[in-house]
Amino acid sequence: AQPARPANAPKRGAGWRRWLRISGILMVVGIVGATPWWGRALLSRLDFFRMRKIEIEGLRYLAPADVAERMQVDTSQSIWIDLGPVEKRVRSHPQVDEVRLHRKLPGTLVARVTEHLPVAVTPTRTGFAVLDARGVILPMDPSRTAVNLPVLAARDTTILRLLAGIRAAHPALFARISQVRRTGEEVRLELATVTVIAMADVTVQRLTDILPVERDLAGRQLRATELDLRYRERVIARLP
């Protein structure tokens, strides 16, 4: 007599059948990767590869519905459609910097989006416009979207690139900037508690020279009202 099998023991052959299914899927993937365009065209006729879901990754400000609308795909299409035109349509959105699409078999299309990030707002006749590092107005309404950005009097790509660099390298410092004004060859950055004066071509690294000065002043229970970076390798702190 054979010993009784536990109630929760897997049925004989279940593991074998599971292995066969996995092998079948891997074989299909291998065939698709090795065959020319007609191989994918043949597979696109199979309902197994109908598009069932779209996944959108990497968004910070842009609404997923806006990306999905630009993609112009639906469940009537196969996952093996040409992705080039889809990427081109998404990339045409003014807020999209780059997009990469890939398939997740059997029926999911994944879009990885990189946005042009907002770095400042500037006044216009109808309110405030949101600018990126290129000086392009992004389709964002600052009254409806939670953005904490410096106010820039006018579009100035030099200052916008500077702000983008600060945001990327030192987000905490960027968050302190409330307003930026350029006068000739100089720029004034209004931080929460201090004004920073520098030459208009100041670098992000040079701006960070104010940080150890602020820490030193705080250790002595002092606070500057103005930090001047216009002099080479010096930070002049003016106290109240």
C-alpha atoms as a PDB file:
ATOM      1  CA  ALA A   1       0.000   0.000   0.000  1.00  0.00           C
ATOM      2  CA  GLN A   2       1.212   3.479  -0.812  1.00  0.00           C
ATOM      3  CA  PRO A   3       1.466   5.993   2.037  1.00  0.00           C
ATOM      4  CA  ALA A   4      -1.306   8.640   2.133  1.00  0.00           C
ATOM      5  CA  ARG A   5      -0.418  12.041   0.732  1.00  0.00           C
ATOM      6  CA  PRO A   6      -0.946  15.124   2.931  1.00  0.00           C
ATOM      7  CA  ALA A   7      -4.067  17.115   2.062  1.00  0.00           C
ATOM      8  CA  ASN A   8      -2.036  20.151   1.058  1.00  0.00           C
ATOM      9  CA  ALA A   9       0.522  18.241  -1.012  1.00  0.00           C
ATOM     10  CA  PRO A  10       0.768  19.406  -4.634  1.00  0.00           C
ATOM     11  CA  LYS A  11      -0.786  17.127  -7.211  1.00  0.00           C
ATOM     12  CA  ARG A  12       1.550  14.984  -9.219  1.00  0.00           C
ATOM     13  CA  GLY A  13       2.525  16.658 -12.439  1.00  0.00           C
ATOM     14  CA  ALA A  14       1.530  20.172 -11.270  1.00  0.00           C
ATOM     15  CA  GLY A  15       5.152  21.298 -11.096  1.00  0.00           C
ATOM     16  CA  TRP A  16       5.836  19.720 -14.488  1.00  0.00           C
ATOM     17  CA  ARG A  17       2.898  21.506 -16.110  1.00  0.00           C
ATOM     18  CA  ARG A  18       3.944  24.821 -14.557  1.00  0.00           C
ATOM     19  CA  TRP A  19       7.452  24.337 -15.944  1.00  0.00           C
ATOM     20  CA  LEU A  20       6.002  23.673 -19.384  1.00  0.00           C
ATOM     21  CA  ARG A  21       3.949  26.895 -19.294  1.00  0.00           C
ATOM     22  CA  ILE A  22       6.975  28.954 -18.288  1.00  0.00           C
ATOM     23  CA  SER A  23       9.082  27.281 -20.973  1.00  0.00           C
ATOM     24  CA  GLY A  24       6.403  28.047 -23.547  1.00  0.00           C
ATOM     25  CA  ILE A  25       6.374  31.736 -22.650  1.00  0.00           C
ATOM     26  CA  LEU A  26      10.172  31.925 -22.751  1.00  0.00           C
ATOM     27  CA  MET A  27      10.154  30.214 -26.118  1.00  0.00           C
ATOM     28  CA  VAL A  28       7.704  32.780 -27.501  1.00  0.00           C
ATOM     29  CA  VAL A  29       9.850  35.623 -26.214  1.00  0.00           C
ATOM     30  CA  GLY A  30      12.931  34.040 -27.771  1.00  0.00           C
ATOM     31  CA  ILE A  31      11.196  33.597 -31.111  1.00  0.00           C
ATOM     32  CA  VAL A  32      10.013  37.213 -31.119  1.00  0.00           C
ATOM     33  CA  GLY A  33      13.491  38.522 -30.378  1.00  0.00           C
ATOM     34  CA  ALA A  34      15.097  36.370 -33.063  1.00  0.00           C
ATOM     35  CA  THR A  35      12.642  36.809 -35.922  1.00  0.00           C
ATOM     36  CA  PRO A  36      12.272  39.804 -38.243  1.00  0.00           C
ATOM     37  CA  TRP A  37       9.270  42.132 -38.362  1.00  0.00           C
ATOM     38  CA  TRP A  38       6.974  39.477 -39.830  1.00  0.00           C
ATOM     39  CA  GLY A  39       7.382  37.380 -36.683  1.00  0.00           C
ATOM     40  CA  ARG A  40       5.921  40.134 -34.531  1.00  0.00           C
ATOM     41  CA  ALA A  41       3.245  40.804 -37.116  1.00  0.00           C
ATOM     42  CA  LEU A  42       2.185  37.179 -36.808  1.00  0.00           C
ATOM     43  CA  LEU A  43       2.118  37.294 -33.009  1.00  0.00           C
ATOM     44  CA  SER A  44       0.149  40.553 -33.061  1.00  0.00           C
ATOM     45  CA  ARG A  45      -2.827  38.588 -34.384  1.00  0.00           C
ATOM     46  CA  LEU A  46      -3.011  36.495 -31.220  1.00  0.00           C
ATOM     47  CA  ASP A  47      -5.505  37.606 -28.564  1.00  0.00           C
ATOM     48  CA  PHE A  48      -2.997  36.477 -25.938  1.00  0.00           C
ATOM     49  CA  PHE A  49      -0.934  39.597 -26.715  1.00  0.00           C
ATOM     50  CA  ARG A  50      -3.778  42.120 -26.705  1.00  0.00           C
ATOM     51  CA  MET A  51      -2.998  45.269 -24.728  1.00  0.00           C
ATOM     52  CA  ARG A  52      -4.643  45.009 -21.321  1.00  0.00           C
ATOM     53  CA  LYS A  53      -2.924  47.621 -19.179  1.00  0.00           C
ATOM     54  CA  ILE A  54      -0.748  50.735 -19.365  1.00  0.00           C
ATOM     55  CA  GLU A  55       1.741  51.564 -16.607  1.00  0.00           C
ATOM     56  CA  ILE A  56       3.233  55.067 -16.428  1.00  0.00           C
ATOM     57  CA  GLU A  57       6.308  55.644 -14.273  1.00  0.00           C
ATOM     58  CA  GLY A  58       8.484  58.594 -13.289  1.00  0.00           C
ATOM     59  CA  LEU A  59       5.863  61.348 -13.162  1.00  0.00           C
ATOM     60  CA  ARG A  60       6.177  64.180 -10.639  1.00  0.00           C
ATOM     61  CA  TYR A  61       3.847  66.899 -11.908  1.00  0.00           C
ATOM     62  CA  LEU A  62       2.331  65.663 -15.144  1.00  0.00           C
ATOM     63  CA  ALA A  63      -0.991  63.820 -14.802  1.00  0.00           C
ATOM     64  CA  PRO A  64      -0.940  60.157 -15.927  1.00  0.00           C
ATOM     65  CA  ALA A  65      -4.123  60.804 -17.914  1.00  0.00           C
ATOM     66  CA  ASP A  66      -2.256  63.387 -20.032  1.00  0.00           C
ATOM     67  CA  VAL A  67       0.414  60.828 -20.944  1.00  0.00           C
ATOM     68  CA  ALA A  68      -2.166  58.121 -21.651  1.00  0.00           C
ATOM     69  CA  GLU A  69      -4.059  60.489 -23.931  1.00  0.00           C
ATOM     70  CA  ARG A  70      -0.916  61.231 -25.932  1.00  0.00           C
ATOM     71  CA  MET A  71      -0.114  57.530 -26.290  1.00  0.00           C
ATOM     72  CA  GLN A  72      -3.368  56.877 -28.215  1.00  0.00           C
ATOM     73  CA  VAL A  73      -3.423  53.129 -27.544  1.00  0.00           C
ATOM     74  CA  ASP A  74      -6.297  50.905 -26.446  1.00  0.00           C
ATOM     75  CA  THR A  75      -7.299  47.301 -25.872  1.00  0.00           C
ATOM     76  CA  SER A  76      -8.101  46.779 -29.551  1.00  0.00           C
ATOM     77  CA  GLN A  77      -4.365  46.865 -30.291  1.00  0.00           C
ATOM     78  CA  SER A  78      -1.630  44.315 -29.811  1.00  0.00           C
ATOM     79  CA  ILE A  79       1.309  44.758 -27.467  1.00  0.00           C
ATOM     80  CA  TRP A  80       3.506  44.291 -30.583  1.00  0.00           C
ATOM     81  CA  ILE A  81       2.550  47.588 -32.227  1.00  0.00           C
ATOM     82  CA  ASP A  82       5.405  49.823 -33.374  1.00  0.00           C
ATOM     83  CA  LEU A  83       6.376  51.813 -30.267  1.00  0.00           C
ATOM     84  CA  GLY A  84       8.257  54.532 -32.163  1.00  0.00           C
ATOM     85  CA  PRO A  85       5.177  56.609 -33.075  1.00  0.00           C
ATOM     86  CA  VAL A  86       3.811  56.200 -29.534  1.00  0.00           C
ATOM     87  CA  GLU A  87       7.032  57.565 -28.036  1.00  0.00           C
ATOM     88  CA  LYS A  88       6.995  60.436 -30.507  1.00  0.00           C
ATOM     89  CA  ARG A  89       3.455  61.440 -29.526  1.00  0.00           C
ATOM     90  CA  VAL A  90       4.284  61.407 -25.801  1.00  0.00           C
ATOM     91  CA  ARG A  91       7.531  63.316 -26.377  1.00  0.00           C
ATOM     92  CA  SER A  92       5.582  66.068 -28.154  1.00  0.00           C
ATOM     93  CA  HIS A  93       4.098  67.139 -24.825  1.00  0.00           C
ATOM     94  CA  PRO A  94       5.916  70.338 -23.753  1.00  0.00           C
ATOM     95  CA  GLN A  95       6.441  68.988 -20.252  1.00  0.00           C
ATOM     96  CA  VAL A  96       8.016  65.700 -21.361  1.00  0.00           C
ATOM     97  CA  ASP A  97      11.795  65.615 -21.684  1.00  0.00           C
ATOM     98  CA  GLU A  98      12.192  61.929 -22.544  1.00  0.00           C
ATOM     99  CA  VAL A  99      10.101  58.767 -22.669  1.00  0.00           C
ATOM    100  CA  ARG A 100      11.042  55.115 -22.959  1.00  0.00           C
ATOM    101  CA  LEU A 101       8.479  52.398 -23.679  1.00  0.00           C
ATOM    102  CA  HIS A 102       8.831  48.689 -23.087  1.00  0.00           C
ATOM    103  CA  ARG A 103       6.543  45.693 -23.138  1.00  0.00           C
ATOM    104  CA  LYS A 104       5.693  43.570 -20.146  1.00  0.00           C
ATOM    105  CA  LEU A 105       4.311  40.362 -21.598  1.00  0.00           C
ATOM    106  CA  PRO A 106       1.727  39.302 -22.282  1.00  0.00           C
ATOM    107  CA  GLY A 107      -0.308  42.541 -22.371  1.00  0.00           C
ATOM    108  CA  THR A 108       1.176  45.499 -20.465  1.00  0.00           C
ATOM    109  CA  LEU A 109       2.823  48.562 -22.000  1.00  0.00           C
ATOM    110  CA  VAL A 110       5.121  50.477 -19.637  1.00  0.00           C
ATOM    111  CA  ALA A 111       6.041  54.147 -20.204  1.00  0.00           C
ATOM    112  CA  ARG A 112       8.965  55.599 -18.267  1.00  0.00           C
ATOM    113  CA  VAL A 113       8.728  59.400 -18.477  1.00  0.00           C
ATOM    114  CA  THR A 114      11.275  62.072 -17.582  1.00  0.00           C
ATOM    115  CA  GLU A 115       9.789  65.544 -17.153  1.00  0.00           C
ATOM    116  CA  HIS A 116      11.120  69.029 -17.721  1.00  0.00           C
ATOM    117  CA  LEU A 117      11.001  70.173 -14.107  1.00  0.00           C
ATOM    118  CA  PRO A 118       9.699  73.625 -13.142  1.00  0.00           C
ATOM    119  CA  VAL A 119      12.333  75.927 -11.649  1.00  0.00           C
ATOM    120  CA  ALA A 120      10.646  79.344 -11.385  1.00  0.00           C
ATOM    121  CA  VAL A 121       7.456  81.305 -11.872  1.00  0.00           C
ATOM    122  CA  THR A 122       7.270  84.616 -13.691  1.00  0.00           C
ATOM    123  CA  PRO A 123       4.473  87.212 -13.789  1.00  0.00           C
ATOM    124  CA  THR A 124       2.363  87.558 -16.948  1.00  0.00           C
ATOM    125  CA  ARG A 125      -0.705  89.586 -17.909  1.00  0.00           C
ATOM    126  CA  THR A 126      -2.977  86.777 -16.752  1.00  0.00           C
ATOM    127  CA  GLY A 127      -1.137  85.621 -13.637  1.00  0.00           C
ATOM    128  CA  PHE A 128       1.997  83.568 -13.073  1.00  0.00           C
ATOM    129  CA  ALA A 129       3.581  81.238 -15.622  1.00  0.00           C
ATOM    130  CA  VAL A 130       5.742  78.248 -14.674  1.00  0.00           C
ATOM    131  CA  LEU A 131       9.155  78.047 -16.383  1.00  0.00           C
ATOM    132  CA  ASP A 132      11.628  75.227 -16.828  1.00  0.00           C
ATOM    133  CA  ALA A 133      15.405  75.526 -17.289  1.00  0.00           C
ATOM    134  CA  ARG A 134      14.967  76.231 -21.024  1.00  0.00           C
ATOM    135  CA  GLY A 135      12.728  79.221 -20.372  1.00  0.00           C
ATOM    136  CA  VAL A 136       9.753  77.329 -21.791  1.00  0.00           C
ATOM    137  CA  ILE A 137       6.365  77.940 -20.173  1.00  0.00           C
ATOM    138  CA  LEU A 138       5.067  74.634 -18.861  1.00  0.00           C
ATOM    139  CA  PRO A 139       1.343  73.809 -18.998  1.00  0.00           C
ATOM    140  CA  MET A 140       0.988  74.074 -15.231  1.00  0.00           C
ATOM    141  CA  ASP A 141      -1.294  76.314 -13.196  1.00  0.00           C
ATOM    142  CA  PRO A 142       0.585  77.327 -10.011  1.00  0.00           C
ATOM    143  CA  SER A 143      -2.726  78.172  -8.359  1.00  0.00           C
ATOM    144  CA  ARG A 144      -3.834  74.542  -8.727  1.00  0.00           C
ATOM    145  CA  THR A 145      -0.541  72.648  -8.609  1.00  0.00           C
ATOM    146  CA  ALA A 146       1.465  72.547  -5.397  1.00  0.00           C
ATOM    147  CA  VAL A 147       4.750  74.153  -6.422  1.00  0.00           C
ATOM    148  CA  ASN A 148       7.161  76.095  -4.232  1.00  0.00           C
ATOM    149  CA  LEU A 149       9.241  78.010  -6.771  1.00  0.00           C
ATOM    150  CA  PRO A 150      11.244  81.257  -6.832  1.00  0.00           C
ATOM    151  CA  VAL A 151       9.687  84.266  -8.521  1.00  0.00           C
ATOM    152  CA  LEU A 152      11.708  85.525 -11.491  1.00  0.00           C
ATOM    153  CA  ALA A 153      10.917  88.974 -12.852  1.00  0.00           C
ATOM    154  CA  ALA A 154      11.489  87.959 -16.487  1.00  0.00           C
ATOM    155  CA  ARG A 155      12.550  84.930 -18.481  1.00  0.00           C
ATOM    156  CA  ASP A 156      16.339  84.717 -18.181  1.00  0.00           C
ATOM    157  CA  THR A 157      17.843  81.424 -19.323  1.00  0.00           C
ATOM    158  CA  THR A 158      21.122  82.038 -17.493  1.00  0.00           C
ATOM    159  CA  ILE A 159      19.323  82.391 -14.168  1.00  0.00           C
ATOM    160  CA  LEU A 160      16.933  79.548 -14.993  1.00  0.00           C
ATOM    161  CA  ARG A 161      19.835  77.166 -15.646  1.00  0.00           C
ATOM    162  CA  LEU A 162      21.390  78.282 -12.365  1.00  0.00           C
ATOM    163  CA  LEU A 163      18.150  77.551 -10.512  1.00  0.00           C
ATOM    164  CA  ALA A 164      17.871  74.157 -12.186  1.00  0.00           C
ATOM    165  CA  GLY A 165      21.407  73.324 -11.056  1.00  0.00           C
ATOM    166  CA  ILE A 166      20.650  74.362  -7.487  1.00  0.00           C
ATOM    167  CA  ARG A 167      17.465  72.315  -7.481  1.00  0.00           C
ATOM    168  CA  ALA A 168      19.284  69.203  -8.721  1.00  0.00           C
ATOM    169  CA  ALA A 169      22.347  69.467  -6.456  1.00  0.00           C
ATOM    170  CA  HIS A 170      21.016  71.207  -3.339  1.00  0.00           C
ATOM    171  CA  PRO A 171      17.212  70.929  -3.068  1.00  0.00           C
ATOM    172  CA  ALA A 172      17.186  72.266   0.498  1.00  0.00           C
ATOM    173  CA  LEU A 173      18.931  75.470  -0.631  1.00  0.00           C
ATOM    174  CA  PHE A 174      16.617  75.756  -3.628  1.00  0.00           C
ATOM    175  CA  ALA A 175      13.581  75.531  -1.343  1.00  0.00           C
ATOM    176  CA  ARG A 176      14.797  78.633   0.544  1.00  0.00           C
ATOM    177  CA  ILE A 177      14.890  80.868  -2.541  1.00  0.00           C
ATOM    178  CA  SER A 178      11.785  83.044  -2.785  1.00  0.00           C
ATOM    179  CA  GLN A 179      12.794  85.558  -5.461  1.00  0.00           C
ATOM    180  CA  VAL A 180      15.587  86.199  -7.962  1.00  0.00           C
ATOM    181  CA  ARG A 181      16.386  89.531  -9.606  1.00  0.00           C
ATOM    182  CA  ARG A 182      19.091  90.286 -12.123  1.00  0.00           C
ATOM    183  CA  THR A 183      20.522  93.782 -12.471  1.00  0.00           C
ATOM    184  CA  GLY A 184      23.121  94.112 -15.185  1.00  0.00           C
ATOM    185  CA  GLU A 185      25.969  91.741 -14.342  1.00  0.00           C
ATOM    186  CA  GLU A 186      24.715  91.009 -10.835  1.00  0.00           C
ATOM    187  CA  VAL A 187      22.017  88.784  -9.417  1.00  0.00           C
ATOM    188  CA  ARG A 188      20.195  88.971  -6.092  1.00  0.00           C
ATOM    189  CA  LEU A 189      18.689  85.857  -4.565  1.00  0.00           C
ATOM    190  CA  GLU A 190      16.200  86.417  -1.775  1.00  0.00           C
ATOM    191  CA  LEU A 191      16.354  83.524   0.645  1.00  0.00           C
ATOM    192  CA  ALA A 192      14.013  83.031   3.572  1.00  0.00           C
ATOM    193  CA  THR A 193      16.236  84.933   6.013  1.00  0.00           C
ATOM    194  CA  VAL A 194      19.032  86.499   3.973  1.00  0.00           C
ATOM    195  CA  THR A 195      19.784  88.166   0.645  1.00  0.00           C
ATOM    196  CA  VAL A 196      22.612  86.740  -1.471  1.00  0.00           C
ATOM    197  CA  ILE A 197      24.386  88.990  -3.986  1.00  0.00           C
ATOM    198  CA  ALA A 198      26.565  87.461  -6.695  1.00  0.00           C
ATOM    199  CA  MET A 199      27.720  87.963 -10.238  1.00  0.00           C
ATOM    200  CA  ALA A 200      25.239  86.752 -12.854  1.00  0.00           C
ATOM    201  CA  ASP A 201      27.597  83.970 -13.961  1.00  0.00           C
ATOM    202  CA  VAL A 202      27.864  82.536 -10.430  1.00  0.00           C
ATOM    203  CA  THR A 203      28.092  78.750 -10.254  1.00  0.00           C
ATOM    204  CA  VAL A 204      26.129  76.409  -8.031  1.00  0.00           C
ATOM    205  CA  GLN A 205      29.326  75.422  -6.226  1.00  0.00           C
ATOM    206  CA  ARG A 206      30.135  79.049  -5.503  1.00  0.00           C
ATOM    207  CA  LEU A 207      26.664  79.656  -4.100  1.00  0.00           C
ATOM    208  CA  THR A 208      27.112  76.843  -1.614  1.00  0.00           C
ATOM    209  CA  ASP A 209      29.970  78.813  -0.036  1.00  0.00           C
ATOM    210  CA  ILE A 210      27.285  80.629   1.961  1.00  0.00           C
ATOM    211  CA  LEU A 211      26.371  77.453   3.844  1.00  0.00           C
ATOM    212  CA  PRO A 212      29.450  77.125   6.110  1.00  0.00           C
ATOM    213  CA  VAL A 213      29.309  80.896   6.709  1.00  0.00           C
ATOM    214  CA  GLU A 214      25.693  80.631   7.874  1.00  0.00           C
ATOM    215  CA  ARG A 215      26.589  77.707  10.154  1.00  0.00           C
ATOM    216  CA  ASP A 216      29.493  79.636  11.657  1.00  0.00           C
ATOM    217  CA  LEU A 217      27.284  82.686  12.308  1.00  0.00           C
ATOM    218  CA  ALA A 218      24.559  80.527  13.835  1.00  0.00           C
ATOM    219  CA  GLY A 219      27.137  78.984  16.184  1.00  0.00           C
ATOM    220  CA  ARG A 220      27.909  82.498  17.416  1.00  0.00           C
ATOM    221  CA  GLN A 221      24.199  83.344  17.605  1.00  0.00           C
ATOM    222  CA  LEU A 222      24.519  85.837  14.763  1.00  0.00           C
ATOM    223  CA  ARG A 223      22.521  86.189  11.584  1.00  0.00           C
ATOM    224  CA  ALA A 224      23.490  88.058   8.425  1.00  0.00           C
ATOM    225  CA  THR A 225      21.025  90.119   6.452  1.00  0.00           C
ATOM    226  CA  GLU A 226      23.194  89.965   3.337  1.00  0.00           C
ATOM    227  CA  LEU A 227      25.847  87.595   2.020  1.00  0.00           C
ATOM    228  CA  ASP A 228      28.016  88.998  -0.758  1.00  0.00           C
ATOM    229  CA  LEU A 229      29.747  86.615  -3.182  1.00  0.00           C
ATOM    230  CA  ARG A 230      30.974  89.207  -5.672  1.00  0.00           C
ATOM    231  CA  TYR A 231      34.544  89.077  -4.400  1.00  0.00           C
ATOM    232  CA  ARG A 232      36.725  86.134  -5.400  1.00  0.00           C
ATOM    233  CA  GLU A 233      37.039  83.386  -2.775  1.00  0.00           C
ATOM    234  CA  ARG A 234      35.352  85.543  -0.146  1.00  0.00           C
ATOM    235  CA  VAL A 235      31.928  85.681   1.444  1.00  0.00           C
ATOM    236  CA  ILE A 236      31.209  89.023   3.019  1.00  0.00           C
ATOM    237  CA  ALA A 237      28.524  88.820   5.675  1.00  0.00           C
ATOM    238  CA  ARG A 238      26.691  92.032   6.539  1.00  0.00           C
ATOM    239  CA  LEU A 239      24.987  91.956   9.904  1.00  0.00           C
ATOM    240  CA  PRO A 240      21.905  93.955  11.029  1.00  0.00           C
END
